[in-house]
Amino acid sequence: MVTENSRSPTKINPDATLMEDSHQVAFMVLKGYKIKLWRDTEDPRHIMFEVLCTPEQVDLELAKYFGNEQVGITDYINCLKSVKSQMYSMKKTIKES
């Protein structure tokens, strides 16, 4: 799984799309998109995902997601675990600082 981590607030990449739903993000990762964790400077506990693709690509992939496109369940679960693990790791880091 190819991901990038951001441990501090960053500017949003204009070529990326912010997403909040970890299940949808896991599907995007499964489809080969890179993600970057992002947190709001006003509420650092609020974690979002910056998906490195255009909004049109997100719409196309989410149409497949909501259309129940068949994917390998173990691959999807592994992506979901990884996405959630990164999210909780960032929250723990924020809490400790």
PDB file of N, CA and C in Angstrom:
ATOM      1  N   MET A   1       0.841  -1.171   0.000  1.00  0.00           N
ATOM      2  CA  MET A   1       0.000   0.000   0.000  1.00  0.00           C
ATOM      3  C   MET A   1       0.887   1.236   0.000  1.00  0.00           C
ATOM      4  N   VAL A   2       0.653   2.138  -0.900  1.00  0.00           N
ATOM      5  CA  VAL A   2       1.471   3.333  -1.014  1.00  0.00           C
ATOM      6  C   VAL A   2       0.743   4.489  -0.348  1.00  0.00           C
ATOM      7  N   THR A   3       1.303   4.996   0.733  1.00  0.00           N
ATOM      8  CA  THR A   3       0.690   6.122   1.423  1.00  0.00           C
ATOM      9  C   THR A   3       1.763   7.118   1.820  1.00  0.00           C
ATOM     10  N   GLU A   4       1.323   8.293   2.151  1.00  0.00           N
ATOM     11  CA  GLU A   4       2.211   9.313   2.666  1.00  0.00           C
ATOM     12  C   GLU A   4       1.595   9.819   3.961  1.00  0.00           C
ATOM     13  N   ASN A   5       2.420  10.039   4.978  1.00  0.00           N
ATOM     14  CA  ASN A   5       1.922  10.540   6.248  1.00  0.00           C
ATOM     15  C   ASN A   5       2.264  12.001   6.412  1.00  0.00           C
ATOM     16  N   SER A   6       1.386  12.712   7.053  1.00  0.00           N
ATOM     17  CA  SER A   6       1.631  14.100   7.395  1.00  0.00           C
ATOM     18  C   SER A   6       1.365  14.246   8.884  1.00  0.00           C
ATOM     19  N   ARG A   7       2.373  14.548   9.631  1.00  0.00           N
ATOM     20  CA  ARG A   7       2.226  14.664  11.082  1.00  0.00           C
ATOM     21  C   ARG A   7       1.899  16.081  11.529  1.00  0.00           C
ATOM     22  N   SER A   8       1.890  17.017  10.624  1.00  0.00           N
ATOM     23  CA  SER A   8       1.582  18.389  10.996  1.00  0.00           C
ATOM     24  C   SER A   8       0.594  18.972   9.997  1.00  0.00           C
ATOM     25  N   PRO A   9      -0.091  20.036  10.396  1.00  0.00           N
ATOM     26  CA  PRO A   9      -1.042  20.644   9.455  1.00  0.00           C
ATOM     27  C   PRO A   9      -0.318  21.113   8.200  1.00  0.00           C
ATOM     28  N   THR A  10      -0.915  20.859   7.090  1.00  0.00           N
ATOM     29  CA  THR A  10      -0.318  21.262   5.820  1.00  0.00           C
ATOM     30  C   THR A  10      -1.368  21.958   4.987  1.00  0.00           C
ATOM     31  N   LYS A  11      -0.906  22.636   3.977  1.00  0.00           N
ATOM     32  CA  LYS A  11      -1.839  23.212   3.019  1.00  0.00           C
ATOM     33  C   LYS A  11      -2.381  22.084   2.163  1.00  0.00           C
ATOM     34  N   ILE A  12      -3.608  22.229   1.760  1.00  0.00           N
ATOM     35  CA  ILE A  12      -4.240  21.202   0.941  1.00  0.00           C
ATOM     36  C   ILE A  12      -3.678  21.275  -0.474  1.00  0.00           C
ATOM     37  N   ASN A  13      -3.312  20.134  -0.994  1.00  0.00           N
ATOM     38  CA  ASN A  13      -2.810  20.025  -2.359  1.00  0.00           C
ATOM     39  C   ASN A  13      -3.972  20.326  -3.311  1.00  0.00           C
ATOM     40  N   PRO A  14      -3.801  21.276  -4.239  1.00  0.00           N
ATOM     41  CA  PRO A  14      -4.899  21.605  -5.158  1.00  0.00           C
ATOM     42  C   PRO A  14      -5.270  20.455  -6.099  1.00  0.00           C
ATOM     43  N   ASP A  15      -4.370  19.489  -6.260  1.00  0.00           N
ATOM     44  CA  ASP A  15      -4.642  18.339  -7.118  1.00  0.00           C
ATOM     45  C   ASP A  15      -5.186  17.155  -6.339  1.00  0.00           C
ATOM     46  N   ALA A  16      -5.619  17.387  -5.108  1.00  0.00           N
ATOM     47  CA  ALA A  16      -6.106  16.310  -4.250  1.00  0.00           C
ATOM     48  C   ALA A  16      -7.525  16.610  -3.786  1.00  0.00           C
ATOM     49  N   THR A  17      -8.155  15.592  -3.233  1.00  0.00           N
ATOM     50  CA  THR A  17      -9.514  15.700  -2.729  1.00  0.00           C
ATOM     51  C   THR A  17      -9.544  15.225  -1.287  1.00  0.00           C
ATOM     52  N   LEU A  18     -10.194  15.987  -0.414  1.00  0.00           N
ATOM     53  CA  LEU A  18     -10.313  15.580   0.986  1.00  0.00           C
ATOM     54  C   LEU A  18     -11.496  14.636   1.156  1.00  0.00           C
ATOM     55  N   MET A  19     -11.272  13.582   1.909  1.00  0.00           N
ATOM     56  CA  MET A  19     -12.318  12.612   2.219  1.00  0.00           C
ATOM     57  C   MET A  19     -12.264  12.308   3.712  1.00  0.00           C
ATOM     58  N   GLU A  20     -13.415  11.997   4.300  1.00  0.00           N
ATOM     59  CA  GLU A  20     -13.477  11.706   5.724  1.00  0.00           C
ATOM     60  C   GLU A  20     -13.797  10.250   6.037  1.00  0.00           C
ATOM     61  N   ASP A  21     -14.498   9.568   5.172  1.00  0.00           N
ATOM     62  CA  ASP A  21     -14.958   8.203   5.429  1.00  0.00           C
ATOM     63  C   ASP A  21     -13.824   7.205   5.217  1.00  0.00           C
ATOM     64  N   SER A  22     -13.414   6.535   6.275  1.00  0.00           N
ATOM     65  CA  SER A  22     -12.282   5.603   6.189  1.00  0.00           C
ATOM     66  C   SER A  22     -12.586   4.410   5.278  1.00  0.00           C
ATOM     67  N   HIS A  23     -13.847   3.998   5.187  1.00  0.00           N
ATOM     68  CA  HIS A  23     -14.204   2.875   4.318  1.00  0.00           C
ATOM     69  C   HIS A  23     -14.037   3.253   2.845  1.00  0.00           C
ATOM     70  N   GLN A  24     -14.471   4.460   2.502  1.00  0.00           N
ATOM     71  CA  GLN A  24     -14.312   4.929   1.130  1.00  0.00           C
ATOM     72  C   GLN A  24     -12.838   5.157   0.800  1.00  0.00           C
ATOM     73  N   VAL A  25     -12.094   5.680   1.772  1.00  0.00           N
ATOM     74  CA  VAL A  25     -10.658   5.894   1.562  1.00  0.00           C
ATOM     75  C   VAL A  25      -9.959   4.555   1.337  1.00  0.00           C
ATOM     76  N   ALA A  26     -10.327   3.536   2.098  1.00  0.00           N
ATOM     77  CA  ALA A  26      -9.734   2.208   1.924  1.00  0.00           C
ATOM     78  C   ALA A  26     -10.010   1.689   0.510  1.00  0.00           C
ATOM     79  N   PHE A  27     -11.206   1.947  -0.001  1.00  0.00           N
ATOM     80  CA  PHE A  27     -11.533   1.539  -1.366  1.00  0.00           C
ATOM     81  C   PHE A  27     -10.657   2.278  -2.370  1.00  0.00           C
ATOM     82  N   MET A  28     -10.439   3.571  -2.135  1.00  0.00           N
ATOM     83  CA  MET A  28      -9.580   4.358  -3.025  1.00  0.00           C
ATOM     84  C   MET A  28      -8.147   3.832  -3.006  1.00  0.00           C
ATOM     85  N   VAL A  29      -7.656   3.470  -1.817  1.00  0.00           N
ATOM     86  CA  VAL A  29      -6.307   2.902  -1.694  1.00  0.00           C
ATOM     87  C   VAL A  29      -6.242   1.576  -2.441  1.00  0.00           C
ATOM     88  N   LEU A  30      -7.269   0.768  -2.295  1.00  0.00           N
ATOM     89  CA  LEU A  30      -7.321  -0.515  -2.993  1.00  0.00           C
ATOM     90  C   LEU A  30      -7.267  -0.316  -4.507  1.00  0.00           C
ATOM     91  N   LYS A  31      -7.834   0.789  -4.979  1.00  0.00           N
ATOM     92  CA  LYS A  31      -7.836   1.091  -6.410  1.00  0.00           C
ATOM     93  C   LYS A  31      -6.521   1.721  -6.870  1.00  0.00           C
ATOM     94  N   GLY A  32      -5.585   1.927  -5.938  1.00  0.00           N
ATOM     95  CA  GLY A  32      -4.257   2.384  -6.330  1.00  0.00           C
ATOM     96  C   GLY A  32      -3.957   3.854  -6.098  1.00  0.00           C
ATOM     97  N   TYR A  33      -4.854   4.582  -5.463  1.00  0.00           N
ATOM     98  CA  TYR A  33      -4.615   5.998  -5.214  1.00  0.00           C
ATOM     99  C   TYR A  33      -3.787   6.177  -3.948  1.00  0.00           C
ATOM    100  N   LYS A  34      -2.945   7.200  -3.945  1.00  0.00           N
ATOM    101  CA  LYS A  34      -2.152   7.519  -2.761  1.00  0.00           C
ATOM    102  C   LYS A  34      -2.981   8.394  -1.833  1.00  0.00           C
ATOM    103  N   ILE A  35      -2.742   8.244  -0.545  1.00  0.00           N
ATOM    104  CA  ILE A  35      -3.435   9.074   0.432  1.00  0.00           C
ATOM    105  C   ILE A  35      -2.413   9.751   1.334  1.00  0.00           C
ATOM    106  N   LYS A  36      -2.866  10.816   1.944  1.00  0.00           N
ATOM    107  CA  LYS A  36      -2.042  11.550   2.886  1.00  0.00           C
ATOM    108  C   LYS A  36      -2.966  11.986   4.017  1.00  0.00           C
ATOM    109  N   LEU A  37      -2.580  11.702   5.239  1.00  0.00           N
ATOM    110  CA  LEU A  37      -3.396  12.125   6.364  1.00  0.00           C
ATOM    111  C   LEU A  37      -3.310  13.635   6.505  1.00  0.00           C
ATOM    112  N   TRP A  38      -4.412  14.226   6.870  1.00  0.00           N
ATOM    113  CA  TRP A  38      -4.489  15.669   6.978  1.00  0.00           C
ATOM    114  C   TRP A  38      -5.292  16.014   8.209  1.00  0.00           C
ATOM    115  N   ARG A  39      -4.844  17.025   8.945  1.00  0.00           N
ATOM    116  CA  ARG A  39      -5.620  17.458  10.097  1.00  0.00           C
ATOM    117  C   ARG A  39      -5.859  18.951  10.015  1.00  0.00           C
ATOM    118  N   ASP A  40      -6.997  19.341  10.525  1.00  0.00           N
ATOM    119  CA  ASP A  40      -7.409  20.731  10.510  1.00  0.00           C
ATOM    120  C   ASP A  40      -6.630  21.498  11.571  1.00  0.00           C
ATOM    121  N   THR A  41      -6.155  22.686  11.242  1.00  0.00           N
ATOM    122  CA  THR A  41      -5.409  23.475  12.218  1.00  0.00           C
ATOM    123  C   THR A  41      -6.315  23.978  13.333  1.00  0.00           C
ATOM    124  N   GLU A  42      -7.602  24.166  13.037  1.00  0.00           N
ATOM    125  CA  GLU A  42      -8.533  24.645  14.057  1.00  0.00           C
ATOM    126  C   GLU A  42      -8.970  23.532  14.997  1.00  0.00           C
ATOM    127  N   ASP A  43      -9.075  22.324  14.515  1.00  0.00           N
ATOM    128  CA  ASP A  43      -9.434  21.172  15.341  1.00  0.00           C
ATOM    129  C   ASP A  43      -8.490  20.025  14.982  1.00  0.00           C
ATOM    130  N   PRO A  44      -7.310  19.983  15.615  1.00  0.00           N
ATOM    131  CA  PRO A  44      -6.305  18.980  15.236  1.00  0.00           C
ATOM    132  C   PRO A  44      -6.729  17.537  15.496  1.00  0.00           C
ATOM    133  N   ARG A  45      -7.798  17.322  16.269  1.00  0.00           N
ATOM    134  CA  ARG A  45      -8.265  15.957  16.503  1.00  0.00           C
ATOM    135  C   ARG A  45      -9.072  15.426  15.321  1.00  0.00           C
ATOM    136  N   HIS A  46      -9.500  16.328  14.452  1.00  0.00           N
ATOM    137  CA  HIS A  46     -10.300  15.939  13.281  1.00  0.00           C
ATOM    138  C   HIS A  46      -9.352  15.518  12.155  1.00  0.00           C
ATOM    139  N   ILE A  47      -9.315  14.238  11.881  1.00  0.00           N
ATOM    140  CA  ILE A  47      -8.429  13.686  10.865  1.00  0.00           C
ATOM    141  C   ILE A  47      -9.212  13.450   9.573  1.00  0.00           C
ATOM    142  N   MET A  48      -8.626  13.886   8.483  1.00  0.00           N
ATOM    143  CA  MET A  48      -9.203  13.631   7.169  1.00  0.00           C
ATOM    144  C   MET A  48      -8.112  13.025   6.295  1.00  0.00           C
ATOM    145  N   PHE A  49      -8.502  12.617   5.124  1.00  0.00           N
ATOM    146  CA  PHE A  49      -7.564  11.998   4.196  1.00  0.00           C
ATOM    147  C   PHE A  49      -7.531  12.822   2.917  1.00  0.00           C
ATOM    148  N   GLU A  50      -6.337  13.139   2.498  1.00  0.00           N
ATOM    149  CA  GLU A  50      -6.144  13.825   1.239  1.00  0.00           C
ATOM    150  C   GLU A  50      -5.847  12.736   0.207  1.00  0.00           C
ATOM    151  N   VAL A  51      -6.780  12.522  -0.698  1.00  0.00           N
ATOM    152  CA  VAL A  51      -6.612  11.503  -1.737  1.00  0.00           C
ATOM    153  C   VAL A  51      -6.039  12.207  -2.965  1.00  0.00           C
ATOM    154  N   LEU A  52      -4.908  11.718  -3.432  1.00  0.00           N
ATOM    155  CA  LEU A  52      -4.213  12.389  -4.522  1.00  0.00           C
ATOM    156  C   LEU A  52      -4.843  12.029  -5.865  1.00  0.00           C
ATOM    157  N   CYS A  53      -5.978  12.683  -6.130  1.00  0.00           N
ATOM    158  CA  CYS A  53      -6.694  12.529  -7.390  1.00  0.00           C
ATOM    159  C   CYS A  53      -7.700  13.673  -7.518  1.00  0.00           C
ATOM    160  N   THR A  54      -8.273  13.804  -8.671  1.00  0.00           N
ATOM    161  CA  THR A  54      -9.243  14.874  -8.913  1.00  0.00           C
ATOM    162  C   THR A  54     -10.616  14.492  -8.354  1.00  0.00           C
ATOM    163  N   PRO A  55     -11.467  15.476  -8.115  1.00  0.00           N
ATOM    164  CA  PRO A  55     -12.835  15.161  -7.667  1.00  0.00           C
ATOM    165  C   PRO A  55     -13.589  14.283  -8.657  1.00  0.00           C
ATOM    166  N   GLU A  56     -13.293  14.437  -9.942  1.00  0.00           N
ATOM    167  CA  GLU A  56     -13.958  13.605 -10.950  1.00  0.00           C
ATOM    168  C   GLU A  56     -13.569  12.139 -10.798  1.00  0.00           C
ATOM    169  N   GLN A  57     -12.286  11.893 -10.496  1.00  0.00           N
ATOM    170  CA  GLN A  57     -11.838  10.517 -10.274  1.00  0.00           C
ATOM    171  C   GLN A  57     -12.485   9.933  -9.021  1.00  0.00           C
ATOM    172  N   VAL A  58     -12.638  10.753  -7.982  1.00  0.00           N
ATOM    173  CA  VAL A  58     -13.307  10.302  -6.760  1.00  0.00           C
ATOM    174  C   VAL A  58     -14.743   9.922  -7.077  1.00  0.00           C
ATOM    175  N   ASP A  59     -15.439  10.777  -7.836  1.00  0.00           N
ATOM    176  CA  ASP A  59     -16.830  10.482  -8.210  1.00  0.00           C
ATOM    177  C   ASP A  59     -16.934   9.170  -8.970  1.00  0.00           C
ATOM    178  N   LEU A  60     -16.006   8.948  -9.892  1.00  0.00           N
ATOM    179  CA  LEU A  60     -16.007   7.717 -10.683  1.00  0.00           C
ATOM    180  C   LEU A  60     -15.796   6.492  -9.796  1.00  0.00           C
ATOM    181  N   GLU A  61     -14.821   6.571  -8.884  1.00  0.00           N
ATOM    182  CA  GLU A  61     -14.528   5.435  -8.000  1.00  0.00           C
ATOM    183  C   GLU A  61     -15.644   5.217  -6.984  1.00  0.00           C
ATOM    184  N   LEU A  62     -16.229   6.304  -6.471  1.00  0.00           N
ATOM    185  CA  LEU A  62     -17.318   6.133  -5.505  1.00  0.00           C
ATOM    186  C   LEU A  62     -18.576   5.568  -6.162  1.00  0.00           C
ATOM    187  N   ALA A  63     -18.758   5.843  -7.438  1.00  0.00           N
ATOM    188  CA  ALA A  63     -19.876   5.213  -8.161  1.00  0.00           C
ATOM    189  C   ALA A  63     -19.678   3.703  -8.172  1.00  0.00           C
ATOM    190  N   LYS A  64     -18.436   3.267  -8.345  1.00  0.00           N
ATOM    191  CA  LYS A  64     -18.132   1.834  -8.290  1.00  0.00           C
ATOM    192  C   LYS A  64     -18.333   1.304  -6.875  1.00  0.00           C
ATOM    193  N   TYR A  65     -17.903   2.085  -5.878  1.00  0.00           N
ATOM    194  CA  TYR A  65     -18.036   1.691  -4.472  1.00  0.00           C
ATOM    195  C   TYR A  65     -19.506   1.480  -4.107  1.00  0.00           C
ATOM    196  N   PHE A  66     -20.343   2.465  -4.443  1.00  0.00           N
ATOM    197  CA  PHE A  66     -21.764   2.364  -4.126  1.00  0.00           C
ATOM    198  C   PHE A  66     -22.498   1.391  -5.044  1.00  0.00           C
ATOM    199  N   GLY A  67     -21.889   1.061  -6.188  1.00  0.00           N
ATOM    200  CA  GLY A  67     -22.464   0.062  -7.082  1.00  0.00           C
ATOM    201  C   GLY A  67     -22.043  -1.349  -6.712  1.00  0.00           C
ATOM    202  N   ASN A  68     -21.357  -1.469  -5.564  1.00  0.00           N
ATOM    203  CA  ASN A  68     -20.904  -2.769  -5.047  1.00  0.00           C
ATOM    204  C   ASN A  68     -20.005  -3.518  -6.022  1.00  0.00           C
ATOM    205  N   GLU A  69     -19.038  -2.791  -6.592  1.00  0.00           N
ATOM    206  CA  GLU A  69     -18.069  -3.457  -7.454  1.00  0.00           C
ATOM    207  C   GLU A  69     -17.352  -4.543  -6.659  1.00  0.00           C
ATOM    208  N   GLN A  70     -17.158  -5.677  -7.285  1.00  0.00           N
ATOM    209  CA  GLN A  70     -16.509  -6.779  -6.586  1.00  0.00           C
ATOM    210  C   GLN A  70     -15.021  -6.510  -6.433  1.00  0.00           C
ATOM    211  N   VAL A  71     -14.570  -6.648  -5.187  1.00  0.00           N
ATOM    212  CA  VAL A  71     -13.147  -6.519  -4.869  1.00  0.00           C
ATOM    213  C   VAL A  71     -12.799  -7.666  -3.925  1.00  0.00           C
ATOM    214  N   GLY A  72     -11.533  -7.965  -3.820  1.00  0.00           N
ATOM    215  CA  GLY A  72     -11.102  -9.005  -2.897  1.00  0.00           C
ATOM    216  C   GLY A  72     -11.338  -8.556  -1.464  1.00  0.00           C
ATOM    217  N   ILE A  73     -12.119  -9.304  -0.727  1.00  0.00           N
ATOM    218  CA  ILE A  73     -12.497  -8.894   0.623  1.00  0.00           C
ATOM    219  C   ILE A  73     -11.286  -8.801   1.548  1.00  0.00           C
ATOM    220  N   THR A  74     -10.351  -9.724   1.428  1.00  0.00           N
ATOM    221  CA  THR A  74      -9.179  -9.656   2.307  1.00  0.00           C
ATOM    222  C   THR A  74      -8.304  -8.453   1.953  1.00  0.00           C
ATOM    223  N   ASP A  75      -8.203  -8.133   0.672  1.00  0.00           N
ATOM    224  CA  ASP A  75      -7.443  -6.949   0.262  1.00  0.00           C
ATOM    225  C   ASP A  75      -8.099  -5.684   0.804  1.00  0.00           C
ATOM    226  N   TYR A  76      -9.427  -5.606   0.700  1.00  0.00           N
ATOM    227  CA  TYR A  76     -10.159  -4.442   1.193  1.00  0.00           C
ATOM    228  C   TYR A  76     -10.006  -4.308   2.703  1.00  0.00           C
ATOM    229  N   ILE A  77     -10.153  -5.409   3.431  1.00  0.00           N
ATOM    230  CA  ILE A  77     -10.024  -5.380   4.894  1.00  0.00           C
ATOM    231  C   ILE A  77      -8.611  -4.965   5.293  1.00  0.00           C
ATOM    232  N   ASN A  78      -7.599  -5.454   4.594  1.00  0.00           N
ATOM    233  CA  ASN A  78      -6.221  -5.055   4.891  1.00  0.00           C
ATOM    234  C   ASN A  78      -6.014  -3.559   4.659  1.00  0.00           C
ATOM    235  N   CYS A  79      -6.585  -3.029   3.587  1.00  0.00           N
ATOM    236  CA  CYS A  79      -6.493  -1.592   3.321  1.00  0.00           C
ATOM    237  C   CYS A  79      -7.216  -0.795   4.410  1.00  0.00           C
ATOM    238  N   LEU A  80      -8.384  -1.271   4.806  1.00  0.00           N
ATOM    239  CA  LEU A  80      -9.158  -0.595   5.850  1.00  0.00           C
ATOM    240  C   LEU A  80      -8.396  -0.590   7.176  1.00  0.00           C
ATOM    241  N   LYS A  81      -7.810  -1.722   7.528  1.00  0.00           N
ATOM    242  CA  LYS A  81      -7.014  -1.794   8.761  1.00  0.00           C
ATOM    243  C   LYS A  81      -5.845  -0.824   8.720  1.00  0.00           C
ATOM    244  N   SER A  82      -5.188  -0.755   7.579  1.00  0.00           N
ATOM    245  CA  SER A  82      -4.042   0.133   7.433  1.00  0.00           C
ATOM    246  C   SER A  82      -4.455   1.600   7.539  1.00  0.00           C
ATOM    247  N   VAL A  83      -5.548   1.964   6.890  1.00  0.00           N
ATOM    248  CA  VAL A  83      -6.046   3.341   6.924  1.00  0.00           C
ATOM    249  C   VAL A  83      -6.415   3.729   8.357  1.00  0.00           C
ATOM    250  N   LYS A  84      -7.145   2.863   9.034  1.00  0.00           N
ATOM    251  CA  LYS A  84      -7.555   3.159  10.416  1.00  0.00           C
ATOM    252  C   LYS A  84      -6.357   3.197  11.355  1.00  0.00           C
ATOM    253  N   SER A  85      -5.392   2.324  11.134  1.00  0.00           N
ATOM    254  CA  SER A  85      -4.194   2.312  11.953  1.00  0.00           C
ATOM    255  C   SER A  85      -3.435   3.631  11.820  1.00  0.00           C
ATOM    256  N   GLN A  86      -3.305   4.122  10.598  1.00  0.00           N
ATOM    257  CA  GLN A  86      -2.636   5.402  10.380  1.00  0.00           C
ATOM    258  C   GLN A  86      -3.392   6.540  11.067  1.00  0.00           C
ATOM    259  N   MET A  87      -4.715   6.487  10.975  1.00  0.00           N
ATOM    260  CA  MET A  87      -5.539   7.520  11.582  1.00  0.00           C
ATOM    261  C   MET A  87      -5.376   7.521  13.103  1.00  0.00           C
ATOM    262  N   TYR A  88      -5.462   6.348  13.727  1.00  0.00           N
ATOM    263  CA  TYR A  88      -5.337   6.265  15.186  1.00  0.00           C
ATOM    264  C   TYR A  88      -3.922   6.601  15.638  1.00  0.00           C
ATOM    265  N   SER A  89      -2.935   6.257  14.832  1.00  0.00           N
ATOM    266  CA  SER A  89      -1.560   6.600  15.157  1.00  0.00           C
ATOM    267  C   SER A  89      -1.373   8.118  15.173  1.00  0.00           C
ATOM    268  N   MET A  90      -1.961   8.785  14.197  1.00  0.00           N
ATOM    269  CA  MET A  90      -1.862  10.247  14.164  1.00  0.00           C
ATOM    270  C   MET A  90      -2.596  10.860  15.353  1.00  0.00           C
ATOM    271  N   LYS A  91      -3.773  10.331  15.682  1.00  0.00           N
ATOM    272  CA  LYS A  91      -4.516  10.849  16.836  1.00  0.00           C
ATOM    273  C   LYS A  91      -3.721  10.661  18.115  1.00  0.00           C
ATOM    274  N   LYS A  92      -3.046   9.530  18.259  1.00  0.00           N
ATOM    275  CA  LYS A  92      -2.239   9.266  19.446  1.00  0.00           C
ATOM    276  C   LYS A  92      -1.082  10.255  19.515  1.00  0.00           C
ATOM    277  N   THR A  93      -0.443  10.510  18.382  1.00  0.00           N
ATOM    278  CA  THR A  93       0.656  11.464  18.319  1.00  0.00           C
ATOM    279  C   THR A  93       0.192  12.856  18.722  1.00  0.00           C
ATOM    280  N   ILE A  94      -0.979  13.241  18.245  1.00  0.00           N
ATOM    281  CA  ILE A  94      -1.542  14.563  18.576  1.00  0.00           C
ATOM    282  C   ILE A  94      -1.833  14.648  20.067  1.00  0.00           C
ATOM    283  N   LYS A  95      -2.412  13.580  20.607  1.00  0.00           N
ATOM    284  CA  LYS A  95      -2.776  13.557  22.030  1.00  0.00           C
ATOM    285  C   LYS A  95      -1.541  13.660  22.917  1.00  0.00           C
ATOM    286  N   GLU A  96      -0.446  13.053  22.500  1.00  0.00           N
ATOM    287  CA  GLU A  96       0.778  13.046  23.301  1.00  0.00           C
ATOM    288  C   GLU A  96       1.509  14.384  23.241  1.00  0.00           C
ATOM    289  N   SER A  97       1.243  15.185  22.209  1.00  0.00           N
ATOM    290  CA  SER A  97       1.971  16.438  22.109  1.00  0.00           C
ATOM    291  C   SER A  97       1.251  17.600  22.751  1.00  0.00           C
TER     292      SER A  97
END
